[in-house]
Amino acid sequence: MTKTLLIIGAGIEQIPAYQKAKARGLHVVGSDMNPQAPAFEYADDILIASTRNADETVAVVAKYHQQHPIHGVMTIANDVPFTVASVANALGLPGISLESARLASNKLLMKTSFVSHGVACPWFQEVKNEAQLMEIVNQSPHKRFVLKPIDGRGARGVLLLSPEVDLAWAFQESQRWGDSGIVMIEEFIPGLQLSTESYILDSRCYTPGIAERHYDRLKQFAPYVIEDGGTIPAPISGDQCQEIDTLLLKGAAAMGIQSGIIKGDLVINPDGKPMIIELAARLSGGWLATHLIPTATGVDLVNVVISSALGEKILPESLTPLFHRAASSRYWFPEPGIVESVSGEDALKQTPGLVRYGFFRQKGEQQPQIRSHPDRFGYVMVGGENREEALIRVQDALACVKINVQPDKTLV
């Protein structure tokens, strides 16, 4: 019997999951509110429903399920854990609990659970109004802060506070990017930031990929917090890797997640100890799970999650690196305005170790001011035998492309 897999979301970053599912001979169903979503090209059936609306998605999926039984549900690069868990719960499919999904959907509840279970994380607090924000910043013993919506996505509304930032403006700017309108403040911990992709199996945390998150442009885009890609391997020791696995296992348990995929945003504090900024109960975006980790380690976490969604047994060998190489990604950040031309693509294609690249905008389209991750112009990923080679190659790749923009002061 051919099994049916439902993938929540059909954007460009979901395409690899559709392709891998099809390659396995699965009947693939996709759901998205956009009938023209690019991943639908690879689906056998499509369902139109907002990925952020769990009730709407469950209703549409349940109707389909009556005629064509679904055997598994998953997502990738799509921060909708409650929708995925709601479908799994309604249909009796493998997945995390609704309570775990609720914690994964709300950064304030998530970090409250971390504190109650002794999981190391930066200090945080809910901010209810502008006056309270000013009071916290002026009276707290902590020196630097990040403000963010508790349910934001893609760095939308994430602000690094400094003396130059108007706090009243910052509160309103952060608040407008969240669905709930609830904002939280947390201590900014200086140090190496990391992205982790782990799978919890038999009370053990397997983390085949730990990427350094590049935040070299904090001053350029301040107060907005914009990541400029990542590199595997991260410059950390073997002991720190073990500490990270222990911490991730503890963090997942605090959220009630006993098995399955978890994506971590971590920081190594000045004492050299890891702290969890956030955990997501899904495969990551930014091509980390689909391209960077396989290039650097040979581990195919997308296929692992497909198997997990279908209730198939996961073997430790599928989570263990086959080799130890390197991979790096970076983004292009042109000035705001109308894109007049993009040149150098032919040279880019000749970059040694090129894995993948893409442009989000074309000639004649508007490049916005950089305020969140979706505002980045495009990306490039390369592989190398070691970290140094990957870092050199990715900079060479970036330099190949020239983006000419007609400035538009109204976009600043």
Protein backbone atom coordinates (compact mmCIF):
# COMPACT_ATOMS: atom_id res chain seq x y z
CA MET A 1 0.00 0.00 0.00
CA THR A 2 1.28 3.43 -0.94
CA LYS A 3 1.47 5.66 2.13
CA THR A 4 0.31 9.27 2.07
CA LEU A 5 2.36 12.07 3.62
CA LEU A 6 0.94 15.53 4.33
CA ILE A 7 3.44 18.40 4.29
CA ILE A 8 2.22 21.59 5.94
CA GLY A 9 3.41 24.53 3.85
CA ALA A 10 4.37 24.65 0.19
CA GLY A 11 6.91 27.44 -0.03
CA ILE A 12 10.25 27.28 -1.79
CA GLU A 13 12.07 25.93 1.27
CA GLN A 14 9.59 23.08 1.56
CA ILE A 15 10.34 21.82 -1.97
CA PRO A 16 13.18 19.44 -0.93
CA ALA A 17 10.82 17.59 1.42
CA TYR A 18 8.28 17.13 -1.37
CA GLN A 19 11.00 15.87 -3.70
CA LYS A 20 12.38 13.39 -1.19
CA ALA A 21 8.91 12.10 -0.34
CA LYS A 22 8.12 11.60 -4.00
CA ALA A 23 11.45 9.80 -4.51
CA ARG A 24 10.38 7.36 -1.81
CA GLY A 25 7.22 6.54 -3.72
CA LEU A 26 4.91 8.28 -1.27
CA HIS A 27 1.62 9.93 -2.18
CA VAL A 28 2.36 13.56 -1.28
CA VAL A 29 -0.29 16.03 -0.17
CA GLY A 30 0.60 19.67 0.41
CA SER A 31 -1.30 22.36 2.28
CA ASP A 32 -0.90 26.12 1.94
CA MET A 33 -3.14 29.16 1.71
CA ASN A 34 -1.51 30.15 -1.60
CA PRO A 35 -2.86 28.13 -4.56
CA GLN A 36 0.27 29.11 -6.50
CA ALA A 37 2.71 27.99 -3.80
CA PRO A 38 5.86 26.67 -5.56
CA ALA A 39 6.07 23.28 -3.81
CA PHE A 40 2.60 22.35 -5.07
CA GLU A 41 4.30 21.48 -8.35
CA TYR A 42 5.65 18.37 -6.61
CA ALA A 43 2.42 17.37 -4.81
CA ASP A 44 -0.04 14.71 -5.88
CA ASP A 45 -2.88 16.57 -4.16
CA ILE A 46 -3.14 20.07 -2.74
CA LEU A 47 -5.21 21.44 0.12
CA ILE A 48 -5.86 25.16 0.50
CA ALA A 49 -5.64 26.28 4.12
CA SER A 50 -3.59 28.74 6.14
CA THR A 51 -0.64 26.97 7.74
CA ARG A 52 -0.98 29.30 10.75
CA ASN A 53 -4.65 28.47 11.28
CA ALA A 54 -4.72 25.08 12.98
CA ASP A 55 -8.51 24.76 13.05
CA GLU A 56 -8.86 25.61 9.36
CA THR A 57 -6.13 23.17 8.40
CA VAL A 58 -7.56 20.35 10.53
CA ALA A 59 -11.01 20.83 8.99
CA VAL A 60 -9.70 20.69 5.42
CA VAL A 61 -7.35 17.79 6.13
CA ALA A 62 -9.98 15.75 8.01
CA LYS A 63 -12.35 16.00 5.04
CA TYR A 64 -9.61 14.80 2.69
CA HIS A 65 -8.63 12.04 5.12
CA GLN A 66 -12.11 10.53 4.97
CA GLN A 67 -11.64 9.71 1.31
CA HIS A 68 -7.86 9.25 1.20
CA PRO A 69 -6.27 8.24 4.52
CA ILE A 70 -3.17 10.18 5.57
CA HIS A 71 -0.37 8.26 7.28
CA GLY A 72 1.92 11.06 8.41
CA VAL A 73 2.22 14.85 8.74
CA MET A 74 5.29 17.08 8.90
CA THR A 75 6.69 20.48 8.01
CA ILE A 76 10.05 22.09 7.34
CA ALA A 77 11.23 25.72 7.52
CA ASN A 78 7.75 26.65 8.68
CA ASP A 79 7.17 27.70 12.28
CA VAL A 80 3.72 26.15 12.69
CA PRO A 81 4.20 23.38 15.27
CA PHE A 82 0.69 23.75 16.68
CA THR A 83 -0.87 23.23 13.25
CA VAL A 84 1.20 20.10 12.63
CA ALA A 85 0.46 18.73 16.11
CA SER A 86 -3.25 19.51 15.75
CA VAL A 87 -3.46 17.50 12.52
CA ALA A 88 -1.50 14.62 14.06
CA ASN A 89 -3.73 14.64 17.14
CA ALA A 90 -6.95 14.78 15.13
CA LEU A 91 -5.94 11.91 12.84
CA GLY A 92 -4.10 9.79 15.42
CA LEU A 93 -0.72 10.18 13.69
CA PRO A 94 2.79 10.30 15.16
CA GLY A 95 3.79 13.71 16.50
CA ILE A 96 4.43 15.81 19.56
CA SER A 97 1.66 16.62 22.04
CA LEU A 98 -0.54 19.67 21.70
CA GLU A 99 0.97 21.05 24.91
CA SER A 100 4.51 20.68 23.58
CA ALA A 101 3.44 22.38 20.37
CA ARG A 102 1.88 25.21 22.38
CA LEU A 103 5.19 25.75 24.18
CA ALA A 104 7.06 25.66 20.87
CA SER A 105 4.69 28.33 19.48
CA ASN A 106 5.11 30.77 22.35
CA LYS A 107 8.61 31.92 23.28
CA LEU A 108 7.46 33.25 26.64
CA LEU A 109 5.88 29.96 27.69
CA MET A 110 8.84 28.06 26.27
CA LYS A 111 11.39 29.95 28.32
CA THR A 112 9.22 29.79 31.41
CA SER A 113 9.33 26.01 31.07
CA PHE A 114 13.12 26.20 30.69
CA VAL A 115 13.47 28.12 33.96
CA SER A 116 11.18 25.76 35.84
CA HIS A 117 13.26 22.78 34.68
CA GLY A 118 16.66 24.39 35.26
CA VAL A 119 17.54 24.79 31.58
CA ALA A 120 20.18 27.47 30.99
CA CYS A 121 18.75 30.39 29.00
CA PRO A 122 19.10 34.19 28.97
CA TRP A 123 17.06 36.22 31.46
CA PHE A 124 13.67 37.28 30.02
CA GLN A 125 10.43 39.00 30.94
CA GLU A 126 7.12 39.85 29.32
CA VAL A 127 6.70 43.53 28.48
CA LYS A 128 3.14 44.80 28.65
CA ASN A 129 3.59 48.43 27.61
CA GLU A 130 6.07 51.12 26.68
CA ALA A 131 6.38 52.43 30.23
CA GLN A 132 7.29 49.00 31.56
CA LEU A 133 9.92 48.59 28.83
CA MET A 134 11.54 51.87 29.83
CA GLU A 135 11.50 50.87 33.49
CA ILE A 136 13.14 47.51 32.78
CA VAL A 137 15.86 48.96 30.60
CA ASN A 138 16.64 51.76 33.05
CA GLN A 139 16.57 49.69 36.25
CA SER A 140 17.62 46.16 35.29
CA PRO A 141 21.13 45.01 36.25
CA HIS A 142 21.49 43.55 32.77
CA LYS A 143 23.30 45.76 30.28
CA ARG A 144 22.07 44.78 26.79
CA PHE A 145 18.68 43.58 25.66
CA VAL A 146 16.78 42.07 22.76
CA LEU A 147 13.10 42.83 22.24
CA LYS A 148 10.93 40.40 20.27
CA PRO A 149 7.35 39.25 19.73
CA ILE A 150 6.66 35.96 21.50
CA ASP A 151 5.35 34.41 18.29
CA GLY A 152 7.34 36.11 15.56
CA ARG A 153 9.00 34.47 12.56
CA GLY A 154 11.99 35.19 10.35
CA ALA A 155 13.50 37.74 12.76
CA ARG A 156 10.50 40.02 12.23
CA GLY A 157 10.30 42.51 15.06
CA VAL A 158 13.53 41.33 16.73
CA LEU A 159 15.39 44.42 17.92
CA LEU A 160 18.72 44.90 19.67
CA LEU A 161 18.19 47.72 22.15
CA SER A 162 20.87 50.37 22.66
CA PRO A 163 20.89 53.87 24.16
CA GLU A 164 20.23 55.28 20.68
CA VAL A 165 16.97 53.34 20.24
CA ASP A 166 13.67 55.07 20.98
CA LEU A 167 12.07 52.56 23.37
CA ALA A 168 8.51 53.70 22.65
CA TRP A 169 9.11 53.12 18.95
CA ALA A 170 10.83 49.79 19.66
CA PHE A 171 7.86 48.47 21.63
CA GLN A 172 5.41 49.36 18.88
CA GLU A 173 7.69 48.03 16.13
CA SER A 174 8.20 44.69 17.84
CA GLN A 175 4.55 44.36 18.85
CA ARG A 176 3.23 44.80 15.33
CA TRP A 177 5.09 41.75 14.00
CA GLY A 178 3.53 39.14 16.29
CA ASP A 179 0.15 37.49 15.91
CA SER A 180 -0.67 37.88 19.62
CA GLY A 181 0.73 41.38 20.10
CA ILE A 182 2.64 40.17 23.17
CA VAL A 183 6.26 41.26 23.46
CA MET A 184 9.13 39.98 25.58
CA ILE A 185 12.54 41.33 26.48
CA GLU A 186 15.58 39.16 27.10
CA GLU A 187 19.18 39.72 28.00
CA PHE A 188 21.55 39.88 25.06
CA ILE A 189 24.34 37.44 25.76
CA PRO A 190 27.55 38.31 23.90
CA GLY A 191 29.24 35.29 22.41
CA LEU A 192 29.23 32.75 19.62
CA GLN A 193 25.72 32.04 18.36
CA LEU A 194 24.84 28.61 17.02
CA SER A 195 22.14 26.81 15.06
CA THR A 196 21.67 23.16 15.94
CA GLU A 197 19.66 20.45 14.25
CA SER A 198 19.05 17.49 16.53
CA TYR A 199 16.95 14.36 16.79
CA ILE A 200 15.88 12.94 20.15
CA LEU A 201 15.97 9.14 20.05
CA ASP A 202 15.89 6.67 22.95
CA SER A 203 16.72 9.34 25.55
CA ARG A 204 19.73 10.53 23.59
CA CYS A 205 20.27 13.72 21.61
CA TYR A 206 21.89 13.27 18.19
CA THR A 207 23.16 16.55 16.74
CA PRO A 208 24.83 15.93 13.38
CA GLY A 209 24.98 19.61 12.51
CA ILE A 210 26.06 22.62 14.57
CA ALA A 211 26.44 25.81 12.55
CA GLU A 212 27.98 29.09 13.58
CA ARG A 213 25.43 31.84 13.00
CA HIS A 214 27.04 34.91 11.43
CA TYR A 215 25.97 38.21 12.94
CA ASP A 216 28.71 40.42 11.55
CA ARG A 217 26.18 43.02 10.37
CA LEU A 218 24.55 43.95 13.69
CA LYS A 219 25.85 47.52 13.51
CA GLN A 220 24.91 47.90 9.84
CA PHE A 221 21.26 46.98 10.33
CA ALA A 222 20.78 48.09 13.94
CA PRO A 223 18.48 47.88 15.72
CA TYR A 224 17.21 45.01 13.56
CA VAL A 225 18.91 41.66 14.21
CA ILE A 226 19.79 40.09 10.86
CA GLU A 227 21.67 36.83 10.41
CA ASP A 228 24.13 36.56 7.51
CA GLY A 229 24.23 32.80 7.00
CA GLY A 230 26.04 30.05 8.84
CA THR A 231 29.07 27.78 8.72
CA ILE A 232 29.59 24.13 9.64
CA PRO A 233 31.63 23.15 11.59
CA ALA A 234 31.25 25.78 14.27
CA PRO A 235 34.44 26.74 16.11
CA ILE A 236 33.66 24.85 19.33
CA SER A 237 35.37 22.04 21.23
CA GLY A 238 34.34 18.42 21.59
CA ASP A 239 33.47 19.04 25.24
CA GLN A 240 31.19 21.91 24.22
CA CYS A 241 29.47 19.65 21.68
CA GLN A 242 28.69 17.18 24.46
CA GLU A 243 27.45 19.99 26.72
CA ILE A 244 25.21 21.20 23.90
CA ASP A 245 23.67 17.75 23.43
CA THR A 246 23.02 17.49 27.17
CA LEU A 247 21.45 20.94 27.26
CA LEU A 248 19.29 20.27 24.19
CA LEU A 249 18.03 17.00 25.66
CA LYS A 250 17.12 18.83 28.86
CA GLY A 251 15.45 21.65 26.94
CA ALA A 252 13.38 19.26 24.85
CA ALA A 253 12.30 17.39 27.98
CA ALA A 254 11.22 20.68 29.56
CA MET A 255 8.88 21.12 26.60
CA GLY A 256 7.62 17.55 26.90
CA ILE A 257 9.38 16.38 23.74
CA GLN A 258 10.70 12.87 24.28
CA SER A 259 11.48 12.04 20.66
CA GLY A 260 11.70 13.72 17.29
CA ILE A 261 13.36 16.69 15.62
CA ILE A 262 14.35 19.88 17.46
CA LYS A 263 16.03 22.98 16.05
CA GLY A 264 18.03 25.06 18.48
CA ASP A 265 19.21 28.67 18.61
CA LEU A 266 22.01 28.77 21.19
CA VAL A 267 24.73 31.08 22.45
CA ILE A 268 28.04 30.28 24.12
CA ASN A 269 28.23 32.69 27.06
CA PRO A 270 31.42 34.44 28.23
CA ASP A 271 32.11 31.52 30.58
CA GLY A 272 32.15 29.12 27.62
CA LYS A 273 28.85 27.48 28.53
CA PRO A 274 25.95 26.98 26.11
CA MET A 275 22.56 28.61 26.72
CA ILE A 276 19.34 28.03 24.78
CA ILE A 277 17.81 31.10 23.23
CA GLU A 278 14.95 29.17 21.58
CA LEU A 279 13.97 25.67 20.50
CA ALA A 280 11.72 24.84 17.54
CA ALA A 281 9.94 21.53 17.09
CA ARG A 282 10.64 21.27 13.37
CA LEU A 283 13.31 21.10 10.72
CA SER A 284 15.07 24.42 10.24
CA GLY A 285 14.91 26.87 7.39
CA GLY A 286 17.77 28.61 5.67
CA TRP A 287 18.62 25.39 3.83
CA LEU A 288 20.43 24.12 6.95
CA ALA A 289 18.72 20.72 7.10
CA THR A 290 18.28 20.30 3.36
CA HIS A 291 21.73 21.33 2.11
CA LEU A 292 24.33 22.55 4.63
CA ILE A 293 24.18 19.55 6.98
CA PRO A 294 24.15 16.93 4.18
CA THR A 295 27.09 18.70 2.48
CA ALA A 296 29.14 18.79 5.67
CA THR A 297 28.15 15.45 7.23
CA GLY A 298 26.15 13.28 4.81
CA VAL A 299 23.22 13.12 7.27
CA ASP A 300 19.79 13.43 5.62
CA LEU A 301 17.53 14.73 8.39
CA VAL A 302 14.69 15.45 5.99
CA ASN A 303 14.34 11.76 5.18
CA VAL A 304 14.65 10.95 8.89
CA VAL A 305 11.73 13.26 9.69
CA ILE A 306 9.66 11.80 6.84
CA SER A 307 10.21 8.32 8.31
CA SER A 308 9.42 9.59 11.80
CA ALA A 309 6.17 11.19 10.60
CA LEU A 310 5.12 7.86 9.12
CA GLY A 311 5.86 6.02 12.38
CA GLU A 312 8.83 4.14 10.96
CA LYS A 313 11.74 3.08 13.16
CA ILE A 314 14.66 5.51 13.24
CA LEU A 315 18.12 4.00 13.45
CA PRO A 316 21.05 5.79 15.15
CA GLU A 317 23.14 5.21 12.00
CA SER A 318 20.88 7.59 10.08
CA LEU A 319 21.76 10.35 12.54
CA THR A 320 25.51 9.77 12.62
CA PRO A 321 27.83 11.77 10.30
CA LEU A 322 29.30 9.78 7.43
CA PHE A 323 32.15 12.29 7.07
CA HIS A 324 33.35 15.60 8.52
CA ARG A 325 33.64 18.31 5.90
CA ALA A 326 32.46 21.91 5.83
CA ALA A 327 29.71 24.10 4.39
CA SER A 328 28.95 27.81 4.54
CA SER A 329 26.17 30.15 3.45
CA ARG A 330 25.91 33.93 3.07
CA TYR A 331 23.39 36.49 1.82
CA TRP A 332 23.40 39.55 -0.43
CA PHE A 333 22.22 42.87 1.08
CA PRO A 334 21.82 45.59 -1.58
CA GLU A 335 20.58 49.08 -0.80
CA PRO A 336 16.79 49.64 -0.95
CA GLY A 337 15.38 50.61 -4.33
CA ILE A 338 14.41 49.19 -7.70
CA VAL A 339 16.67 46.40 -8.97
CA GLU A 340 18.15 47.53 -12.28
CA SER A 341 20.40 44.55 -13.00
CA VAL A 342 21.98 41.44 -11.50
CA SER A 343 25.26 40.38 -13.10
CA GLY A 344 27.90 37.73 -12.48
CA GLU A 345 25.65 34.69 -12.32
CA ASP A 346 27.76 32.77 -14.85
CA ALA A 347 30.88 33.34 -12.77
CA LEU A 348 28.98 32.34 -9.64
CA LYS A 349 28.10 29.00 -11.20
CA GLN A 350 31.81 28.26 -11.58
CA THR A 351 32.55 28.72 -7.87
CA PRO A 352 34.39 25.65 -6.50
CA GLY A 353 32.18 23.70 -4.12
CA LEU A 354 28.99 25.54 -5.09
CA VAL A 355 26.00 23.80 -3.48
CA ARG A 356 23.10 26.13 -4.19
CA TYR A 357 22.20 29.78 -4.71
CA GLY A 358 19.06 31.78 -5.25
CA PHE A 359 17.74 35.31 -5.75
CA PHE A 360 14.50 36.41 -4.13
CA ARG A 361 14.07 39.41 -6.45
CA GLN A 362 14.65 40.08 -10.12
CA LYS A 363 15.19 43.07 -12.38
CA GLY A 364 12.47 45.67 -11.99
CA GLU A 365 11.40 44.47 -8.56
CA GLN A 366 11.65 46.42 -5.34
CA GLN A 367 14.42 45.70 -2.85
CA PRO A 368 13.17 46.77 0.60
CA GLN A 369 15.18 48.13 3.47
CA ILE A 370 16.61 45.25 5.52
CA ARG A 371 14.41 44.85 8.57
CA SER A 372 13.95 41.05 8.71
CA HIS A 373 15.22 37.89 7.06
CA PRO A 374 12.72 37.92 4.17
CA ASP A 375 14.22 41.29 3.12
CA ARG A 376 17.56 39.70 2.16
CA PHE A 377 18.15 39.67 -1.59
CA GLY A 378 19.49 36.16 -2.09
CA TYR A 379 21.81 33.48 -0.79
CA VAL A 380 24.71 31.26 -1.78
CA MET A 381 25.99 28.02 -0.21
CA VAL A 382 29.29 26.27 -0.77
CA GLY A 383 31.07 23.19 0.52
CA GLY A 384 34.71 22.60 1.35
CA GLU A 385 37.03 20.03 2.82
CA ASN A 386 37.41 22.16 5.95
CA ARG A 387 36.03 25.32 7.57
CA GLU A 388 38.75 27.60 6.20
CA GLU A 389 38.19 26.47 2.63
CA ALA A 390 34.42 26.88 2.91
CA LEU A 391 34.79 30.40 4.31
CA ILE A 392 37.08 31.47 1.48
CA ARG A 393 34.85 29.93 -1.17
CA VAL A 394 31.67 31.55 0.10
CA GLN A 395 33.27 35.01 0.06
CA ASP A 396 34.52 34.39 -3.48
CA ALA A 397 31.01 33.38 -4.48
CA LEU A 398 29.50 36.53 -2.99
CA ALA A 399 31.98 38.71 -4.86
CA CYS A 400 30.92 37.25 -8.22
CA VAL A 401 27.51 38.91 -8.15
CA LYS A 402 26.88 42.61 -8.63
CA ILE A 403 23.42 43.99 -7.85
CA ASN A 404 22.67 47.43 -9.26
CA VAL A 405 19.81 49.26 -7.57
CA GLN A 406 18.16 52.58 -8.37
CA PRO A 407 17.97 54.14 -4.88
CA ASP A 408 14.56 54.93 -3.50
CA LYS A 409 14.69 57.16 -0.42
CA THR A 410 11.05 56.42 0.38
CA LEU A 411 12.06 52.85 1.27
CA VAL A 412 14.52 53.94 3.97
